[in-house]
Amino acid sequence: MPSSNPEPLDSSTPAKYALKPWQQMIASGSGGLLTAIFMTPFDVVKIRMQAQTKEFTSHKCFIYCNGITEHLCACGYTHETVPARKKYNTRAGHVRLLPPKDWYMRPSKFNGTIDAFSTIARTEGISSLWSGLPPTLVISIPNVVLYFTTYEYLRDKLFDLHVGVARLISRYSLSAPWGTGLAYSVRDFSATRPTEKRYSISAKHAENGRENRELPFWIPLTAGGIARTVAVTCTNPIELVRTKLQSERLSYREIRSAVESLLKAKGITGLWMGLPPTLMRDVPFSAIYWSCLEGLKTAFDQRTPNPSFSFFAGALSGGLAAVVTLPFDIVKTHRQISLGDAELYSSKPKNSKKMMTILRELYRAEGVSALFTGITPRLLKVMPACAIMISSYEAMKNLFHPT
């Protein structure tokens, strides 16, 4: 039982339920893997159904989503450089087209989504519903581990900074005309009056420290945006090399020459081709998602949320973020396909369409509505993925620190 006049909490003291970095990595990695296992079959079925149409082969690339991140994949025929051989009637250094042998080009005829699920599982084996997943996890798991670990680290550090600055302001602004209210709210927030509900933690939560304090809105907004920027920026060069490896059937020995060719043509910034449109979608999405999620946790007094609440809050937060960032998602998808067709299939990378060019083309062709199409498919993909990811992540955190 706390005393009637408890001492202010020290913001530099680690929270009772704060996870160590390795625990955060295990929790986020496990959550990402579980999300991929649940969500990948839906995207595999979608791609297999699209492969039945001519539209699928109108481009050389398509987008594959494993529930965590999206990946650019080669579509249809690929090419490789071969030595001179009479039976192929080729000259040395000639580029030869290879017929498709990948999972998404297997001959099939589906009459709907349910039929596709049952036919693939029956004729190709249940494992075919997870086709293409292992290579993408090489990028996705490090991405989600870095993302969640960075977010929680920044969130806690920003909160410590907020408390420290607020206390400093309150100490020197008591005599100012505008300072009384500010000092009052800061004193309450720092738990000198733990019974005050609006600004401070309640008495029963006072002993839990940082983990149960009310977060200002700007903290998850900022931490979420920065964390997503860090994760995407760090993994973008690896994803670019992975796509180049797949699209040209390069051996691992040829990767070095492919990267050197890219660096020679584009410079060091070539390793981050396609990054701006990705950031324009992912950073606002992440900022909105975490702000909404932390707000729901505070509103429902769920600072250590149970899995069912996390599932609900994750789906709602992800849905809201998906709606707001839909125009950026459409532009990003067009940019990825354009980048893949124009650059990944060329030994001399060309300049692909810029983001503003895609925006203008979409607007001239279909008007403003072109930037808000496909909301239902996006929600059906984003909401379950966010719900599974955050609920499994929180469940793993609770295993490390059971209440």
Protein backbone atom coordinates (compact mmCIF):
# COMPACT_ATOMS: atom_id res chain seq x y z
CA MET A 1 0.00 0.00 0.00
CA PRO A 2 1.55 3.33 -1.06
CA SER A 3 1.90 6.03 1.53
CA SER A 4 -0.40 9.04 1.45
CA ASN A 5 2.48 11.24 0.28
CA PRO A 6 4.69 9.07 -1.90
CA GLU A 7 7.98 10.32 -3.24
CA PRO A 8 8.05 11.37 -6.89
CA LEU A 9 9.03 8.56 -9.22
CA ASP A 10 12.52 8.72 -10.68
CA SER A 11 12.17 8.67 -14.47
CA SER A 12 15.66 7.29 -14.83
CA THR A 13 14.76 4.11 -12.92
CA PRO A 14 13.96 1.21 -15.26
CA ALA A 15 10.33 0.14 -15.27
CA LYS A 16 9.48 -2.99 -13.35
CA TYR A 17 8.16 -4.68 -16.45
CA ALA A 18 10.60 -3.28 -19.01
CA LEU A 19 12.08 -5.93 -21.29
CA LYS A 20 15.74 -6.40 -22.01
CA PRO A 21 16.77 -5.90 -25.66
CA TRP A 22 17.19 -9.63 -26.30
CA GLN A 23 13.71 -10.27 -24.88
CA GLN A 24 12.24 -7.60 -27.15
CA MET A 25 13.99 -9.21 -30.12
CA ILE A 26 12.59 -12.65 -29.31
CA ALA A 27 9.09 -11.25 -28.72
CA SER A 28 9.01 -9.21 -31.93
CA GLY A 29 10.67 -11.94 -34.01
CA SER A 30 8.17 -14.53 -32.76
CA GLY A 31 5.29 -12.17 -33.47
CA GLY A 32 6.57 -11.52 -36.97
CA LEU A 33 6.96 -15.23 -37.71
CA LEU A 34 3.45 -16.01 -36.43
CA THR A 35 2.01 -13.18 -38.53
CA ALA A 36 3.75 -14.49 -41.63
CA ILE A 37 2.48 -18.03 -41.02
CA PHE A 38 -1.12 -16.84 -40.75
CA MET A 39 -1.13 -14.21 -43.52
CA THR A 40 1.09 -15.66 -46.28
CA PRO A 41 -1.48 -18.22 -47.61
CA PHE A 42 -3.91 -15.41 -48.44
CA ASP A 43 -1.35 -13.57 -50.54
CA VAL A 44 -0.16 -16.78 -52.21
CA VAL A 45 -3.75 -17.55 -53.28
CA LYS A 46 -4.21 -13.96 -54.51
CA ILE A 47 -1.04 -14.13 -56.61
CA ARG A 48 -1.88 -17.57 -58.03
CA MET A 49 -5.31 -16.29 -59.09
CA GLN A 50 -3.79 -13.19 -60.66
CA ALA A 51 -1.32 -15.39 -62.56
CA GLN A 52 -4.27 -16.79 -64.53
CA THR A 53 -4.82 -13.42 -66.18
CA LYS A 54 -2.79 -11.59 -68.82
CA GLU A 55 -2.45 -8.59 -66.53
CA PHE A 56 -0.06 -10.56 -64.34
CA THR A 57 2.50 -10.94 -67.16
CA SER A 58 2.11 -7.38 -68.41
CA HIS A 59 4.83 -6.48 -65.92
CA LYS A 60 8.05 -8.27 -65.05
CA CYS A 61 7.55 -7.80 -61.30
CA PHE A 62 4.81 -8.24 -58.75
CA ILE A 63 4.36 -7.48 -55.06
CA TYR A 64 4.50 -10.36 -52.57
CA CYS A 65 3.36 -9.77 -48.98
CA ASN A 66 4.14 -12.20 -46.17
CA GLY A 67 2.05 -10.31 -43.64
CA ILE A 68 4.99 -8.30 -42.27
CA THR A 69 6.63 -6.55 -45.21
CA GLU A 70 6.12 -6.35 -48.97
CA HIS A 71 8.69 -7.67 -51.42
CA LEU A 72 9.30 -7.11 -55.12
CA CYS A 73 9.43 -10.45 -56.99
CA ALA A 74 10.24 -11.45 -60.57
CA CYS A 75 7.23 -12.33 -62.72
CA GLY A 76 7.11 -14.56 -65.81
CA TYR A 77 10.28 -14.99 -67.88
CA THR A 78 13.66 -14.13 -66.40
CA HIS A 79 17.02 -13.79 -68.10
CA GLU A 80 20.61 -14.82 -67.64
CA THR A 81 23.89 -14.30 -69.48
CA VAL A 82 25.15 -17.52 -71.07
CA PRO A 83 28.33 -18.57 -72.92
CA ALA A 84 28.28 -19.34 -76.65
CA ARG A 85 26.66 -22.73 -77.34
CA LYS A 86 25.62 -24.15 -80.70
CA LYS A 87 22.54 -25.96 -79.44
CA TYR A 88 21.19 -22.70 -78.05
CA ASN A 89 22.42 -20.72 -81.06
CA THR A 90 23.77 -18.02 -78.78
CA ARG A 91 26.90 -15.92 -78.78
CA ALA A 92 29.08 -15.31 -75.74
CA GLY A 93 27.51 -12.83 -73.36
CA HIS A 94 24.08 -13.16 -74.96
CA VAL A 95 21.07 -12.75 -72.66
CA ARG A 96 18.73 -15.73 -72.88
CA LEU A 97 15.14 -15.83 -71.61
CA LEU A 98 14.32 -18.63 -69.19
CA PRO A 99 10.82 -20.11 -68.95
CA PRO A 100 9.10 -19.59 -65.62
CA LYS A 101 9.51 -22.41 -63.11
CA ASP A 102 8.51 -20.61 -59.93
CA TRP A 103 5.56 -21.45 -57.70
CA TYR A 104 3.40 -18.57 -58.96
CA MET A 105 3.53 -19.80 -62.57
CA ARG A 106 2.42 -23.38 -61.94
CA PRO A 107 -0.41 -24.32 -64.33
CA SER A 108 -3.77 -24.14 -62.59
CA LYS A 109 -7.36 -23.03 -62.96
CA PHE A 110 -9.27 -21.72 -59.97
CA ASN A 111 -12.93 -20.79 -59.72
CA GLY A 112 -12.66 -18.61 -56.66
CA THR A 113 -10.72 -18.04 -53.45
CA ILE A 114 -12.09 -21.07 -51.57
CA ASP A 115 -11.51 -23.29 -54.59
CA ALA A 116 -7.95 -21.99 -54.88
CA PHE A 117 -7.19 -22.82 -51.23
CA SER A 118 -8.57 -26.36 -51.51
CA THR A 119 -7.07 -27.10 -54.95
CA ILE A 120 -3.56 -25.93 -54.04
CA ALA A 121 -3.59 -27.88 -50.78
CA ARG A 122 -5.00 -31.03 -52.42
CA THR A 123 -2.92 -31.17 -55.60
CA GLU A 124 0.34 -29.50 -54.57
CA GLY A 125 0.47 -30.17 -50.86
CA ILE A 126 -0.41 -27.96 -47.91
CA SER A 127 3.10 -26.48 -47.86
CA SER A 128 2.43 -24.80 -51.22
CA LEU A 129 0.28 -22.25 -49.40
CA TRP A 130 3.51 -20.89 -47.94
CA SER A 131 5.40 -20.75 -51.24
CA GLY A 132 8.10 -18.11 -51.40
CA LEU A 133 7.99 -17.43 -47.67
CA PRO A 134 11.52 -18.51 -46.51
CA PRO A 135 13.49 -16.06 -48.73
CA THR A 136 11.35 -13.12 -47.65
CA LEU A 137 11.74 -13.94 -43.95
CA VAL A 138 15.47 -13.27 -44.31
CA ILE A 139 14.52 -9.59 -44.70
CA SER A 140 11.24 -9.44 -42.77
CA ILE A 141 12.30 -10.85 -39.41
CA PRO A 142 15.32 -8.52 -38.99
CA ASN A 143 13.10 -5.67 -40.16
CA VAL A 144 10.37 -6.26 -37.59
CA VAL A 145 12.87 -6.97 -34.80
CA LEU A 146 14.70 -3.71 -35.48
CA TYR A 147 11.40 -1.85 -35.83
CA PHE A 148 9.78 -2.95 -32.56
CA THR A 149 12.99 -2.84 -30.51
CA THR A 150 13.78 0.67 -31.75
CA TYR A 151 10.23 1.86 -31.09
CA GLU A 152 10.16 0.74 -27.46
CA TYR A 153 13.64 2.11 -26.83
CA LEU A 154 12.75 5.52 -28.30
CA ARG A 155 9.39 5.59 -26.55
CA ASP A 156 10.99 5.08 -23.13
CA LYS A 157 13.84 7.52 -23.78
CA LEU A 158 11.48 10.21 -25.07
CA PHE A 159 9.28 9.75 -22.04
CA ASP A 160 12.27 10.12 -19.71
CA LEU A 161 13.23 13.29 -21.61
CA HIS A 162 9.66 14.59 -21.36
CA VAL A 163 9.54 14.06 -17.58
CA GLY A 164 12.94 15.64 -17.07
CA VAL A 165 12.11 18.73 -19.13
CA ALA A 166 8.68 19.06 -17.52
CA ARG A 167 10.14 18.97 -14.03
CA LEU A 168 12.79 21.51 -14.99
CA ILE A 169 10.14 23.86 -16.38
CA SER A 170 7.94 23.46 -13.33
CA ARG A 171 10.84 24.24 -11.02
CA TYR A 172 11.56 27.61 -12.66
CA SER A 173 8.09 28.71 -13.75
CA LEU A 174 6.08 28.74 -10.54
CA SER A 175 6.23 32.53 -10.35
CA ALA A 176 5.26 33.10 -14.00
CA PRO A 177 1.61 34.02 -14.76
CA TRP A 178 1.33 31.13 -17.20
CA GLY A 179 3.39 28.74 -15.07
CA THR A 180 0.96 27.80 -12.31
CA GLY A 181 -1.23 25.52 -14.40
CA LEU A 182 1.75 23.95 -16.14
CA ALA A 183 3.56 23.32 -12.87
CA TYR A 184 0.39 21.82 -11.38
CA SER A 185 -0.07 19.39 -14.26
CA VAL A 186 3.61 18.42 -14.20
CA ARG A 187 3.58 17.75 -10.49
CA ASP A 188 0.51 15.57 -10.91
CA PHE A 189 2.01 13.77 -13.92
CA SER A 190 5.20 12.96 -12.01
CA ALA A 191 3.09 11.24 -9.37
CA THR A 192 3.52 13.68 -6.46
CA ARG A 193 -0.29 13.42 -6.22
CA PRO A 194 -1.01 9.85 -7.38
CA THR A 195 -4.75 10.09 -6.72
CA GLU A 196 -5.17 12.68 -9.49
CA LYS A 197 -6.45 10.64 -12.48
CA ARG A 198 -6.10 13.13 -15.27
CA TYR A 199 -2.42 13.85 -15.10
CA SER A 200 -0.90 11.09 -13.03
CA ILE A 201 -0.91 7.36 -12.57
CA SER A 202 -3.29 5.93 -10.01
CA ALA A 203 -2.13 4.82 -6.57
CA LYS A 204 -2.39 1.12 -7.43
CA HIS A 205 -0.06 1.64 -10.40
CA ALA A 206 2.40 4.03 -8.79
CA GLU A 207 4.88 1.31 -7.96
CA ASN A 208 5.11 0.10 -11.56
CA GLY A 209 7.02 3.16 -12.75
CA ARG A 210 7.31 4.23 -16.38
CA GLU A 211 5.33 1.32 -17.85
CA ASN A 212 2.03 2.54 -16.38
CA ARG A 213 2.31 6.28 -16.85
CA GLU A 214 0.20 8.15 -19.34
CA LEU A 215 2.11 8.84 -22.54
CA PRO A 216 1.78 12.25 -24.22
CA PHE A 217 0.42 11.90 -27.76
CA TRP A 218 3.59 13.12 -29.45
CA ILE A 219 5.82 10.40 -27.99
CA PRO A 220 4.39 7.34 -29.84
CA LEU A 221 3.88 9.56 -32.88
CA THR A 222 7.57 10.49 -32.96
CA ALA A 223 8.97 7.14 -31.83
CA GLY A 224 6.86 5.23 -34.34
CA GLY A 225 7.93 7.39 -37.26
CA ILE A 226 11.63 7.30 -36.40
CA ALA A 227 11.62 3.55 -35.69
CA ARG A 228 10.05 2.81 -39.06
CA THR A 229 12.54 5.06 -40.82
CA VAL A 230 15.46 3.27 -39.18
CA ALA A 231 14.12 -0.22 -39.99
CA VAL A 232 13.30 0.49 -43.64
CA THR A 233 16.52 2.39 -44.29
CA CYS A 234 18.69 -0.38 -42.84
CA THR A 235 17.01 -3.24 -44.72
CA ASN A 236 16.38 -1.54 -48.08
CA PRO A 237 19.84 -2.35 -49.58
CA ILE A 238 19.47 -6.03 -48.59
CA GLU A 239 16.01 -6.21 -50.15
CA LEU A 240 17.33 -4.59 -53.34
CA VAL A 241 20.12 -7.18 -53.64
CA ARG A 242 17.65 -10.02 -52.91
CA THR A 243 15.37 -8.86 -55.72
CA LYS A 244 18.27 -8.48 -58.15
CA LEU A 245 19.45 -11.97 -57.26
CA GLN A 246 16.03 -13.42 -57.95
CA SER A 247 15.24 -11.49 -61.12
CA GLU A 248 18.48 -12.36 -62.92
CA ARG A 249 19.17 -15.81 -61.47
CA LEU A 250 22.54 -14.58 -60.32
CA SER A 251 24.90 -16.80 -58.41
CA TYR A 252 26.23 -15.49 -55.15
CA ARG A 253 29.58 -14.86 -56.84
CA GLU A 254 27.88 -12.53 -59.32
CA ILE A 255 26.20 -10.46 -56.61
CA ARG A 256 29.34 -8.38 -56.13
CA SER A 257 29.53 -7.41 -59.81
CA ALA A 258 25.80 -6.57 -59.84
CA VAL A 259 26.19 -4.30 -56.83
CA GLU A 260 29.30 -2.68 -58.31
CA SER A 261 27.39 -2.01 -61.54
CA LEU A 262 24.60 -0.38 -59.56
CA LEU A 263 27.02 1.74 -57.53
CA LYS A 264 28.82 2.82 -60.70
CA ALA A 265 25.58 3.89 -62.37
CA LYS A 266 23.79 5.42 -59.38
CA GLY A 267 26.40 5.97 -56.70
CA ILE A 268 25.98 4.93 -53.08
CA THR A 269 22.43 6.28 -53.08
CA GLY A 270 21.56 3.56 -55.60
CA LEU A 271 21.30 1.12 -52.71
CA TRP A 272 18.27 3.06 -51.51
CA MET A 273 16.32 3.20 -54.76
CA GLY A 274 12.60 3.31 -54.06
CA LEU A 275 13.11 4.40 -50.45
CA PRO A 276 11.29 7.80 -50.56
CA PRO A 277 7.86 6.43 -51.58
CA THR A 278 8.24 3.61 -49.07
CA LEU A 279 8.96 6.09 -46.29
CA MET A 280 6.09 8.34 -47.38
CA ARG A 281 3.70 5.47 -46.75
CA ASP A 282 5.33 3.58 -43.88
CA VAL A 283 6.36 6.49 -41.65
CA PRO A 284 2.87 8.12 -41.45
CA PHE A 285 1.33 4.66 -41.07
CA SER A 286 3.65 3.82 -38.19
CA ALA A 287 3.15 7.18 -36.47
CA ILE A 288 -0.64 6.94 -36.67
CA TYR A 289 -0.67 3.26 -35.70
CA TRP A 290 1.37 3.64 -32.52
CA SER A 291 -0.37 6.85 -31.47
CA CYS A 292 -3.77 5.19 -31.80
CA LEU A 293 -2.60 1.99 -30.11
CA GLU A 294 -1.04 3.75 -27.12
CA GLY A 295 -4.11 5.99 -26.86
CA LEU A 296 -6.40 2.96 -26.69
CA LYS A 297 -4.20 1.35 -24.05
CA THR A 298 -4.42 4.49 -21.94
CA ALA A 299 -8.16 4.99 -22.48
CA PHE A 300 -8.97 1.42 -21.41
CA ASP A 301 -6.34 1.30 -18.64
CA GLN A 302 -4.42 -1.47 -20.43
CA ARG A 303 -0.81 -0.51 -19.83
CA THR A 304 0.01 -4.23 -19.67
CA PRO A 305 -2.60 -5.38 -22.19
CA ASN A 306 -3.94 -8.90 -22.50
CA PRO A 307 -3.83 -10.62 -25.92
CA SER A 308 -7.55 -10.14 -26.66
CA PHE A 309 -7.37 -6.38 -26.09
CA SER A 310 -4.14 -6.17 -28.11
CA PHE A 311 -5.84 -8.00 -30.99
CA PHE A 312 -8.77 -5.55 -30.99
CA ALA A 313 -6.60 -2.45 -30.55
CA GLY A 314 -4.09 -3.59 -33.17
CA ALA A 315 -6.80 -4.20 -35.78
CA LEU A 316 -8.48 -0.85 -35.08
CA SER A 317 -5.22 1.11 -35.09
CA GLY A 318 -3.98 -0.62 -38.23
CA GLY A 319 -7.28 -0.01 -40.01
CA LEU A 320 -7.24 3.70 -39.22
CA ALA A 321 -3.62 4.06 -40.35
CA ALA A 322 -4.36 2.10 -43.54
CA VAL A 323 -7.24 4.40 -44.51
CA VAL A 324 -5.24 7.59 -43.93
CA THR A 325 -2.17 6.38 -45.84
CA LEU A 326 -4.03 4.70 -48.73
CA PRO A 327 -2.93 7.27 -51.38
CA PHE A 328 0.72 6.72 -50.40
CA ASP A 329 0.21 2.95 -50.64
CA ILE A 330 -1.13 3.21 -54.19
CA VAL A 331 1.76 5.42 -55.30
CA LYS A 332 4.28 3.15 -53.58
CA THR A 333 2.92 0.06 -55.35
CA HIS A 334 3.11 1.76 -58.77
CA ARG A 335 6.64 2.95 -57.97
CA GLN A 336 7.79 -0.53 -56.94
CA ILE A 337 6.49 -2.12 -60.13
CA SER A 338 7.99 0.67 -62.24
CA LEU A 339 11.32 0.38 -60.45
CA GLY A 340 11.41 -3.38 -60.93
CA ASP A 341 10.55 -3.26 -64.63
CA ALA A 342 12.84 -0.35 -65.47
CA GLU A 343 15.88 -1.06 -63.33
CA LEU A 344 16.08 -4.58 -61.96
CA TYR A 345 15.86 -6.13 -65.42
CA SER A 346 18.51 -3.92 -66.95
CA SER A 347 22.27 -4.28 -66.74
CA LYS A 348 22.44 -0.49 -67.04
CA PRO A 349 19.87 0.89 -64.59
CA LYS A 350 17.65 3.60 -66.03
CA ASN A 351 15.81 6.38 -64.32
CA SER A 352 12.39 5.09 -63.31
CA LYS A 353 9.34 7.26 -62.80
CA LYS A 354 9.42 9.68 -59.91
CA MET A 355 6.74 9.72 -57.28
CA MET A 356 5.22 13.03 -58.40
CA THR A 357 5.10 11.76 -62.00
CA ILE A 358 3.06 8.75 -60.89
CA LEU A 359 0.72 11.02 -58.92
CA ARG A 360 0.12 13.24 -61.93
CA GLU A 361 -0.48 10.28 -64.25
CA LEU A 362 -2.98 8.71 -61.87
CA TYR A 363 -4.79 12.02 -61.40
CA ARG A 364 -5.01 12.73 -65.15
CA ALA A 365 -6.22 9.20 -65.92
CA GLU A 366 -8.85 8.68 -63.23
CA GLY A 367 -9.03 11.78 -61.09
CA VAL A 368 -8.76 12.02 -57.32
CA SER A 369 -10.62 8.73 -56.88
CA ALA A 370 -7.59 6.87 -58.27
CA LEU A 371 -5.73 7.62 -55.04
CA PHE A 372 -8.46 6.09 -52.88
CA THR A 373 -9.20 2.83 -54.64
CA GLY A 374 -8.69 -0.64 -53.15
CA ILE A 375 -9.52 0.30 -49.57
CA THR A 376 -11.33 -2.99 -48.85
CA PRO A 377 -8.48 -5.30 -49.95
CA ARG A 378 -6.00 -3.15 -48.04
CA LEU A 379 -8.04 -3.31 -44.84
CA LEU A 380 -8.51 -7.07 -45.21
CA LYS A 381 -4.73 -7.41 -45.39
CA VAL A 382 -3.59 -4.79 -42.89
CA MET A 383 -6.07 -5.20 -40.02
CA PRO A 384 -5.55 -8.95 -39.38
CA ALA A 385 -1.79 -8.61 -39.81
CA CYS A 386 -1.57 -5.76 -37.28
CA ALA A 387 -3.88 -7.60 -34.88
CA ILE A 388 -1.88 -10.84 -34.99
CA MET A 389 1.48 -9.08 -34.77
CA ILE A 390 0.78 -6.89 -31.74
CA SER A 391 -1.25 -9.51 -29.81
CA SER A 392 1.45 -12.18 -30.24
CA TYR A 393 4.13 -9.61 -29.39
CA GLU A 394 2.36 -8.59 -26.18
CA ALA A 395 1.71 -12.24 -25.30
CA MET A 396 5.43 -12.99 -25.60
CA LYS A 397 6.25 -9.97 -23.43
CA ASN A 398 3.86 -11.27 -20.76
CA LEU A 399 5.65 -14.63 -20.83
CA PHE A 400 8.87 -12.90 -19.91
CA HIS A 401 7.16 -10.89 -17.15
CA PRO A 402 3.98 -12.69 -16.06
CA THR A 403 1.62 -10.56 -13.98
